[in-house]
Amino acid sequence: MASQKAVMAIGGFNGSDPAPTLKQFKEYVQQGLIHYYIASSSGGGTQMGGSGSASEISSWVAEHYTATTVDGVTVYDLSAEAS
């Protein structure tokens, strides 16, 4: 937050909004608009009323990028080359 960079909540506040879609998210990553993905401690899926989009994004990121743990939080650097 100290960097004053924009932060996007995938699926909105509680993950139930279907925005962005996986397709939109991939486009944002390809355009270099998203640098990091911070994994949800609740799994980012449809538990707690989450959207299918949030779950799809979480799965896609985990499948294509390497996880790093920072102070107990799982972070993915989306600027690194995807596998």
PDB file of N, CA and C in Angstrom:
ATOM      1  N   MET A   1       0.807  -1.177   0.000  1.00  0.00           N
ATOM      2  CA  MET A   1       0.000   0.000   0.000  1.00  0.00           C
ATOM      3  C   MET A   1       0.864   1.261   0.000  1.00  0.00           C
ATOM      4  N   ALA A   2       2.019   1.157   0.566  1.00  0.00           N
ATOM      5  CA  ALA A   2       2.897   2.321   0.616  1.00  0.00           C
ATOM      6  C   ALA A   2       3.308   2.782  -0.779  1.00  0.00           C
ATOM      7  N   SER A   3       3.263   1.881  -1.752  1.00  0.00           N
ATOM      8  CA  SER A   3       3.641   2.239  -3.120  1.00  0.00           C
ATOM      9  C   SER A   3       2.579   3.095  -3.805  1.00  0.00           C
ATOM     10  N   GLN A   4       1.392   3.135  -3.236  1.00  0.00           N
ATOM     11  CA  GLN A   4       0.254   3.862  -3.800  1.00  0.00           C
ATOM     12  C   GLN A   4      -0.142   3.343  -5.186  1.00  0.00           C
ATOM     13  N   LYS A   5       0.098   2.060  -5.426  1.00  0.00           N
ATOM     14  CA  LYS A   5      -0.314   1.408  -6.674  1.00  0.00           C
ATOM     15  C   LYS A   5      -1.729   0.873  -6.513  1.00  0.00           C
ATOM     16  N   ALA A   6      -2.430   0.756  -7.607  1.00  0.00           N
ATOM     17  CA  ALA A   6      -3.804   0.256  -7.590  1.00  0.00           C
ATOM     18  C   ALA A   6      -3.848  -1.208  -7.167  1.00  0.00           C
ATOM     19  N   VAL A   7      -4.929  -1.581  -6.485  1.00  0.00           N
ATOM     20  CA  VAL A   7      -5.159  -2.951  -6.052  1.00  0.00           C
ATOM     21  C   VAL A   7      -6.535  -3.372  -6.553  1.00  0.00           C
ATOM     22  N   MET A   8      -6.628  -4.584  -7.115  1.00  0.00           N
ATOM     23  CA  MET A   8      -7.892  -5.095  -7.633  1.00  0.00           C
ATOM     24  C   MET A   8      -8.320  -6.289  -6.778  1.00  0.00           C
ATOM     25  N   ALA A   9      -9.526  -6.254  -6.262  1.00  0.00           N
ATOM     26  CA  ALA A   9     -10.081  -7.393  -5.534  1.00  0.00           C
ATOM     27  C   ALA A   9     -10.778  -8.295  -6.536  1.00  0.00           C
ATOM     28  N   ILE A  10     -10.219  -9.461  -6.787  1.00  0.00           N
ATOM     29  CA  ILE A  10     -10.823 -10.396  -7.731  1.00  0.00           C
ATOM     30  C   ILE A  10     -12.168 -10.837  -7.172  1.00  0.00           C
ATOM     31  N   GLY A  11     -13.211 -10.624  -7.940  1.00  0.00           N
ATOM     32  CA  GLY A  11     -14.537 -11.004  -7.482  1.00  0.00           C
ATOM     33  C   GLY A  11     -15.166 -10.020  -6.524  1.00  0.00           C
ATOM     34  N   GLY A  12     -14.553  -8.851  -6.366  1.00  0.00           N
ATOM     35  CA  GLY A  12     -15.099  -7.856  -5.447  1.00  0.00           C
ATOM     36  C   GLY A  12     -14.704  -8.136  -4.013  1.00  0.00           C
ATOM     37  N   PHE A  13     -15.391  -7.521  -3.076  1.00  0.00           N
ATOM     38  CA  PHE A  13     -15.038  -7.605  -1.661  1.00  0.00           C
ATOM     39  C   PHE A  13     -15.036  -9.033  -1.130  1.00  0.00           C
ATOM     40  N   ASN A  14     -16.083  -9.796  -1.408  1.00  0.00           N
ATOM     41  CA  ASN A  14     -16.138 -11.158  -0.864  1.00  0.00           C
ATOM     42  C   ASN A  14     -15.957 -12.238  -1.924  1.00  0.00           C
ATOM     43  N   GLY A  15     -15.577 -11.850  -3.123  1.00  0.00           N
ATOM     44  CA  GLY A  15     -15.308 -12.814  -4.184  1.00  0.00           C
ATOM     45  C   GLY A  15     -16.533 -13.280  -4.938  1.00  0.00           C
ATOM     46  N   SER A  16     -17.690 -12.678  -4.704  1.00  0.00           N
ATOM     47  CA  SER A  16     -18.916 -13.158  -5.342  1.00  0.00           C
ATOM     48  C   SER A  16     -19.239 -12.478  -6.668  1.00  0.00           C
ATOM     49  N   ASP A  17     -18.560 -11.389  -6.994  1.00  0.00           N
ATOM     50  CA  ASP A  17     -18.809 -10.713  -8.277  1.00  0.00           C
ATOM     51  C   ASP A  17     -18.025 -11.427  -9.377  1.00  0.00           C
ATOM     52  N   PRO A  18     -18.637 -11.673 -10.527  1.00  0.00           N
ATOM     53  CA  PRO A  18     -17.961 -12.396 -11.609  1.00  0.00           C
ATOM     54  C   PRO A  18     -17.048 -11.485 -12.443  1.00  0.00           C
ATOM     55  N   ALA A  19     -16.276 -10.665 -11.771  1.00  0.00           N
ATOM     56  CA  ALA A  19     -15.405  -9.735 -12.493  1.00  0.00           C
ATOM     57  C   ALA A  19     -14.053  -9.657 -11.810  1.00  0.00           C
ATOM     58  N   PRO A  20     -12.983  -9.648 -12.524  1.00  0.00           N
ATOM     59  CA  PRO A  20     -12.961  -9.845 -13.969  1.00  0.00           C
ATOM     60  C   PRO A  20     -13.160 -11.319 -14.297  1.00  0.00           C
ATOM     61  N   THR A  21     -13.458 -11.589 -15.550  1.00  0.00           N
ATOM     62  CA  THR A  21     -13.524 -12.977 -16.003  1.00  0.00           C
ATOM     63  C   THR A  21     -12.095 -13.481 -16.152  1.00  0.00           C
ATOM     64  N   LEU A  22     -11.937 -14.780 -16.286  1.00  0.00           N
ATOM     65  CA  LEU A  22     -10.602 -15.346 -16.504  1.00  0.00           C
ATOM     66  C   LEU A  22      -9.999 -14.765 -17.783  1.00  0.00           C
ATOM     67  N   LYS A  23     -10.802 -14.643 -18.827  1.00  0.00           N
ATOM     68  CA  LYS A  23     -10.304 -14.095 -20.100  1.00  0.00           C
ATOM     69  C   LYS A  23      -9.784 -12.668 -19.899  1.00  0.00           C
ATOM     70  N   GLN A  24     -10.561 -11.837 -19.198  1.00  0.00           N
ATOM     71  CA  GLN A  24     -10.130 -10.459 -18.945  1.00  0.00           C
ATOM     72  C   GLN A  24      -8.853 -10.440 -18.112  1.00  0.00           C
ATOM     73  N   PHE A  25      -8.794 -11.287 -17.088  1.00  0.00           N
ATOM     74  CA  PHE A  25      -7.621 -11.343 -16.219  1.00  0.00           C
ATOM     75  C   PHE A  25      -6.372 -11.708 -17.027  1.00  0.00           C
ATOM     76  N   LYS A  26      -6.486 -12.712 -17.882  1.00  0.00           N
ATOM     77  CA  LYS A  26      -5.349 -13.118 -18.727  1.00  0.00           C
ATOM     78  C   LYS A  26      -4.901 -11.960 -19.612  1.00  0.00           C
ATOM     79  N   GLU A  27      -5.857 -11.212 -20.163  1.00  0.00           N
ATOM     80  CA  GLU A  27      -5.513 -10.056 -21.007  1.00  0.00           C
ATOM     81  C   GLU A  27      -4.771  -8.996 -20.192  1.00  0.00           C
ATOM     82  N   TYR A  28      -5.244  -8.727 -18.982  1.00  0.00           N
ATOM     83  CA  TYR A  28      -4.570  -7.750 -18.109  1.00  0.00           C
ATOM     84  C   TYR A  28      -3.137  -8.187 -17.816  1.00  0.00           C
ATOM     85  N   VAL A  29      -2.953  -9.482 -17.550  1.00  0.00           N
ATOM     86  CA  VAL A  29      -1.607 -10.007 -17.273  1.00  0.00           C
ATOM     87  C   VAL A  29      -0.733  -9.846 -18.510  1.00  0.00           C
ATOM     88  N   GLN A  30      -1.252 -10.218 -19.674  1.00  0.00           N
ATOM     89  CA  GLN A  30      -0.502 -10.126 -20.930  1.00  0.00           C
ATOM     90  C   GLN A  30      -0.099  -8.678 -21.230  1.00  0.00           C
ATOM     91  N   GLN A  31      -0.972  -7.731 -20.889  1.00  0.00           N
ATOM     92  CA  GLN A  31      -0.694  -6.314 -21.121  1.00  0.00           C
ATOM     93  C   GLN A  31       0.225  -5.713 -20.056  1.00  0.00           C
ATOM     94  N   GLY A  32       0.592  -6.504 -19.051  1.00  0.00           N
ATOM     95  CA  GLY A  32       1.460  -6.009 -17.992  1.00  0.00           C
ATOM     96  C   GLY A  32       0.745  -5.126 -16.986  1.00  0.00           C
ATOM     97  N   LEU A  33      -0.586  -5.204 -16.938  1.00  0.00           N
ATOM     98  CA  LEU A  33      -1.363  -4.369 -16.032  1.00  0.00           C
ATOM     99  C   LEU A  33      -1.460  -4.952 -14.629  1.00  0.00           C
ATOM    100  N   ILE A  34      -1.198  -6.256 -14.505  1.00  0.00           N
ATOM    101  CA  ILE A  34      -1.209  -6.911 -13.196  1.00  0.00           C
ATOM    102  C   ILE A  34       0.172  -7.500 -12.959  1.00  0.00           C
ATOM    103  N   HIS A  35       0.781  -7.136 -11.849  1.00  0.00           N
ATOM    104  CA  HIS A  35       2.138  -7.610 -11.553  1.00  0.00           C
ATOM    105  C   HIS A  35       2.128  -8.758 -10.547  1.00  0.00           C
ATOM    106  N   TYR A  36       1.331  -8.648  -9.501  1.00  0.00           N
ATOM    107  CA  TYR A  36       1.297  -9.678  -8.462  1.00  0.00           C
ATOM    108  C   TYR A  36      -0.121 -10.190  -8.243  1.00  0.00           C
ATOM    109  N   TYR A  37      -0.207 -11.463  -7.878  1.00  0.00           N
ATOM    110  CA  TYR A  37      -1.468 -12.069  -7.462  1.00  0.00           C
ATOM    111  C   TYR A  37      -1.240 -12.602  -6.060  1.00  0.00           C
ATOM    112  N   ILE A  38      -2.075 -12.173  -5.127  1.00  0.00           N
ATOM    113  CA  ILE A  38      -1.974 -12.636  -3.745  1.00  0.00           C
ATOM    114  C   ILE A  38      -3.103 -13.632  -3.529  1.00  0.00           C
ATOM    115  N   ALA A  39      -2.728 -14.871  -3.209  1.00  0.00           N
ATOM    116  CA  ALA A  39      -3.723 -15.924  -3.043  1.00  0.00           C
ATOM    117  C   ALA A  39      -4.564 -15.670  -1.801  1.00  0.00           C
ATOM    118  N   SER A  40      -5.826 -16.000  -1.925  1.00  0.00           N
ATOM    119  CA  SER A  40      -6.766 -15.841  -0.810  1.00  0.00           C
ATOM    120  C   SER A  40      -6.507 -16.895   0.247  1.00  0.00           C
ATOM    121  N   SER A  41      -6.556 -16.494   1.504  1.00  0.00           N
ATOM    122  CA  SER A  41      -6.378 -17.458   2.587  1.00  0.00           C
ATOM    123  C   SER A  41      -7.579 -18.383   2.699  1.00  0.00           C
ATOM    124  N   SER A  42      -8.706 -17.984   2.109  1.00  0.00           N
ATOM    125  CA  SER A  42      -9.900 -18.833   2.139  1.00  0.00           C
ATOM    126  C   SER A  42      -9.992 -19.727   0.914  1.00  0.00           C
ATOM    127  N   GLY A  43      -8.979 -19.708   0.079  1.00  0.00           N
ATOM    128  CA  GLY A  43      -8.958 -20.574  -1.088  1.00  0.00           C
ATOM    129  C   GLY A  43      -9.394 -19.901  -2.368  1.00  0.00           C
ATOM    130  N   GLY A  44     -10.039 -18.725  -2.286  1.00  0.00           N
ATOM    131  CA  GLY A  44     -10.406 -17.976  -3.469  1.00  0.00           C
ATOM    132  C   GLY A  44     -11.445 -18.626  -4.343  1.00  0.00           C
ATOM    133  N   GLY A  45     -12.089 -19.653  -3.838  1.00  0.00           N
ATOM    134  CA  GLY A  45     -13.054 -20.353  -4.662  1.00  0.00           C
ATOM    135  C   GLY A  45     -14.469 -19.951  -4.364  1.00  0.00           C
ATOM    136  N   THR A  46     -15.376 -20.893  -4.593  1.00  0.00           N
ATOM    137  CA  THR A  46     -16.775 -20.588  -4.404  1.00  0.00           C
ATOM    138  C   THR A  46     -17.232 -20.788  -2.966  1.00  0.00           C
ATOM    139  N   GLN A  47     -16.315 -21.174  -2.061  1.00  0.00           N
ATOM    140  CA  GLN A  47     -16.656 -21.196  -0.644  1.00  0.00           C
ATOM    141  C   GLN A  47     -16.965 -19.757  -0.273  1.00  0.00           C
ATOM    142  N   MET A  48     -17.685 -19.515   0.748  1.00  0.00           N
ATOM    143  CA  MET A  48     -17.982 -18.163   1.211  1.00  0.00           C
ATOM    144  C   MET A  48     -18.705 -17.347   0.134  1.00  0.00           C
ATOM    145  N   GLY A  49     -19.359 -18.001  -0.830  1.00  0.00           N
ATOM    146  CA  GLY A  49     -20.118 -17.275  -1.840  1.00  0.00           C
ATOM    147  C   GLY A  49     -19.284 -16.718  -2.968  1.00  0.00           C
ATOM    148  N   GLY A  50     -18.055 -17.206  -3.149  1.00  0.00           N
ATOM    149  CA  GLY A  50     -17.190 -16.697  -4.198  1.00  0.00           C
ATOM    150  C   GLY A  50     -17.706 -17.030  -5.584  1.00  0.00           C
ATOM    151  N   SER A  51     -17.215 -16.318  -6.580  1.00  0.00           N
ATOM    152  CA  SER A  51     -17.660 -16.542  -7.952  1.00  0.00           C
ATOM    153  C   SER A  51     -16.830 -17.623  -8.619  1.00  0.00           C
ATOM    154  N   GLY A  52     -17.385 -18.199  -9.677  1.00  0.00           N
ATOM    155  CA  GLY A  52     -16.636 -19.157 -10.461  1.00  0.00           C
ATOM    156  C   GLY A  52     -15.426 -18.498 -11.108  1.00  0.00           C
ATOM    157  N   SER A  53     -15.550 -17.209 -11.469  1.00  0.00           N
ATOM    158  CA  SER A  53     -14.434 -16.485 -12.089  1.00  0.00           C
ATOM    159  C   SER A  53     -13.243 -16.404 -11.144  1.00  0.00           C
ATOM    160  N   ALA A  54     -13.514 -16.097  -9.876  1.00  0.00           N
ATOM    161  CA  ALA A  54     -12.428 -15.987  -8.899  1.00  0.00           C
ATOM    162  C   ALA A  54     -11.720 -17.325  -8.744  1.00  0.00           C
ATOM    163  N   SER A  55     -12.474 -18.396  -8.714  1.00  0.00           N
ATOM    164  CA  SER A  55     -11.895 -19.731  -8.597  1.00  0.00           C
ATOM    165  C   SER A  55     -11.089 -20.097  -9.840  1.00  0.00           C
ATOM    166  N   GLU A  56     -11.616 -19.770 -11.014  1.00  0.00           N
ATOM    167  CA  GLU A  56     -10.901 -20.052 -12.266  1.00  0.00           C
ATOM    168  C   GLU A  56      -9.585 -19.287 -12.327  1.00  0.00           C
ATOM    169  N   ILE A  57      -9.606 -18.032 -11.920  1.00  0.00           N
ATOM    170  CA  ILE A  57      -8.392 -17.203 -11.925  1.00  0.00           C
ATOM    171  C   ILE A  57      -7.369 -17.781 -10.966  1.00  0.00           C
ATOM    172  N   SER A  58      -7.806 -18.126  -9.769  1.00  0.00           N
ATOM    173  CA  SER A  58      -6.908 -18.697  -8.771  1.00  0.00           C
ATOM    174  C   SER A  58      -6.251 -19.970  -9.296  1.00  0.00           C
ATOM    175  N   SER A  59      -7.038 -20.837  -9.903  1.00  0.00           N
ATOM    176  CA  SER A  59      -6.509 -22.094 -10.456  1.00  0.00           C
ATOM    177  C   SER A  59      -5.536 -21.837 -11.594  1.00  0.00           C
ATOM    178  N   TRP A  60      -5.880 -20.912 -12.485  1.00  0.00           N
ATOM    179  CA  TRP A  60      -5.015 -20.604 -13.622  1.00  0.00           C
ATOM    180  C   TRP A  60      -3.678 -20.046 -13.158  1.00  0.00           C
ATOM    181  N   VAL A  61      -3.712 -19.123 -12.210  1.00  0.00           N
ATOM    182  CA  VAL A  61      -2.474 -18.537 -11.690  1.00  0.00           C
ATOM    183  C   VAL A  61      -1.611 -19.624 -11.060  1.00  0.00           C
ATOM    184  N   ALA A  62      -2.199 -20.468 -10.209  1.00  0.00           N
ATOM    185  CA  ALA A  62      -1.442 -21.525  -9.534  1.00  0.00           C
ATOM    186  C   ALA A  62      -0.850 -22.524 -10.528  1.00  0.00           C
ATOM    187  N   GLU A  63      -1.551 -22.750 -11.628  1.00  0.00           N
ATOM    188  CA  GLU A  63      -1.087 -23.697 -12.643  1.00  0.00           C
ATOM    189  C   GLU A  63       0.065 -23.141 -13.486  1.00  0.00           C
ATOM    190  N   HIS A  64       0.107 -21.821 -13.685  1.00  0.00           N
ATOM    191  CA  HIS A  64       1.053 -21.240 -14.626  1.00  0.00           C
ATOM    192  C   HIS A  64       2.181 -20.408 -14.011  1.00  0.00           C
ATOM    193  N   TYR A  65       2.106 -20.120 -12.717  1.00  0.00           N
ATOM    194  CA  TYR A  65       3.126 -19.288 -12.077  1.00  0.00           C
ATOM    195  C   TYR A  65       3.629 -19.949 -10.800  1.00  0.00           C
ATOM    196  N   THR A  66       4.805 -19.558 -10.385  1.00  0.00           N
ATOM    197  CA  THR A  66       5.429 -20.126  -9.199  1.00  0.00           C
ATOM    198  C   THR A  66       5.026 -19.341  -7.955  1.00  0.00           C
ATOM    199  N   ALA A  67       4.594 -20.067  -6.942  1.00  0.00           N
ATOM    200  CA  ALA A  67       4.195 -19.440  -5.676  1.00  0.00           C
ATOM    201  C   ALA A  67       5.425 -19.122  -4.833  1.00  0.00           C
ATOM    202  N   THR A  68       5.351 -17.993  -4.155  1.00  0.00           N
ATOM    203  CA  THR A  68       6.353 -17.587  -3.187  1.00  0.00           C
ATOM    204  C   THR A  68       5.606 -17.222  -1.914  1.00  0.00           C
ATOM    205  N   THR A  69       6.155 -17.590  -0.766  1.00  0.00           N
ATOM    206  CA  THR A  69       5.515 -17.240   0.492  1.00  0.00           C
ATOM    207  C   THR A  69       6.247 -16.059   1.103  1.00  0.00           C
ATOM    208  N   VAL A  70       5.499 -15.004   1.405  1.00  0.00           N
ATOM    209  CA  VAL A  70       6.041 -13.797   2.017  1.00  0.00           C
ATOM    210  C   VAL A  70       5.263 -13.554   3.304  1.00  0.00           C
ATOM    211  N   ASP A  71       5.938 -13.663   4.440  1.00  0.00           N
ATOM    212  CA  ASP A  71       5.283 -13.487   5.742  1.00  0.00           C
ATOM    213  C   ASP A  71       4.011 -14.320   5.865  1.00  0.00           C
ATOM    214  N   GLY A  72       4.062 -15.556   5.394  1.00  0.00           N
ATOM    215  CA  GLY A  72       2.936 -16.465   5.514  1.00  0.00           C
ATOM    216  C   GLY A  72       1.850 -16.290   4.466  1.00  0.00           C
ATOM    217  N   VAL A  73       2.072 -15.415   3.485  1.00  0.00           N
ATOM    218  CA  VAL A  73       1.092 -15.144   2.434  1.00  0.00           C
ATOM    219  C   VAL A  73       1.636 -15.664   1.109  1.00  0.00           C
ATOM    220  N   THR A  74       0.793 -16.368   0.339  1.00  0.00           N
ATOM    221  CA  THR A  74       1.204 -16.892  -0.958  1.00  0.00           C
ATOM    222  C   THR A  74       1.043 -15.810  -2.017  1.00  0.00           C
ATOM    223  N   VAL A  75       2.163 -15.517  -2.707  1.00  0.00           N
ATOM    224  CA  VAL A  75       2.201 -14.460  -3.712  1.00  0.00           C
ATOM    225  C   VAL A  75       2.761 -15.037  -5.014  1.00  0.00           C
ATOM    226  N   TYR A  76       2.188 -14.599  -6.128  1.00  0.00           N
ATOM    227  CA  TYR A  76       2.658 -15.005  -7.454  1.00  0.00           C
ATOM    228  C   TYR A  76       3.107 -13.759  -8.200  1.00  0.00           C
ATOM    229  N   ASP A  77       4.296 -13.808  -8.803  1.00  0.00           N
ATOM    230  CA  ASP A  77       4.797 -12.698  -9.613  1.00  0.00           C
ATOM    231  C   ASP A  77       4.352 -12.961 -11.049  1.00  0.00           C
ATOM    232  N   LEU A  78       3.353 -12.214 -11.504  1.00  0.00           N
ATOM    233  CA  LEU A  78       2.795 -12.413 -12.839  1.00  0.00           C
ATOM    234  C   LEU A  78       3.604 -11.743 -13.940  1.00  0.00           C
ATOM    235  N   SER A  79       4.659 -11.051 -13.552  1.00  0.00           N
ATOM    236  CA  SER A  79       5.538 -10.459 -14.571  1.00  0.00           C
ATOM    237  C   SER A  79       6.594 -11.483 -15.009  1.00  0.00           C
ATOM    238  N   ALA A  80       6.718 -12.575 -14.248  1.00  0.00           N
ATOM    239  CA  ALA A  80       7.638 -13.656 -14.611  1.00  0.00           C
ATOM    240  C   ALA A  80       7.007 -14.438 -15.761  1.00  0.00           C
ATOM    241  N   GLU A  81       7.839 -15.150 -16.506  1.00  0.00           N
ATOM    242  CA  GLU A  81       7.319 -15.930 -17.620  1.00  0.00           C
ATOM    243  C   GLU A  81       6.432 -17.056 -17.124  1.00  0.00           C
ATOM    244  N   ALA A  82       5.273 -17.200 -17.723  1.00  0.00           N
ATOM    245  CA  ALA A  82       4.334 -18.268 -17.347  1.00  0.00           C
ATOM    246  C   ALA A  82       4.820 -19.593 -17.869  1.00  0.00           C
ATOM    247  N   SER A  83       4.474 -20.648 -17.177  1.00  0.00           N
ATOM    248  CA  SER A  83       4.868 -21.996 -17.638  1.00  0.00           C
ATOM    249  C   SER A  83       3.784 -22.586 -18.516  1.00  0.00           C
TER     250      SER A  83
END
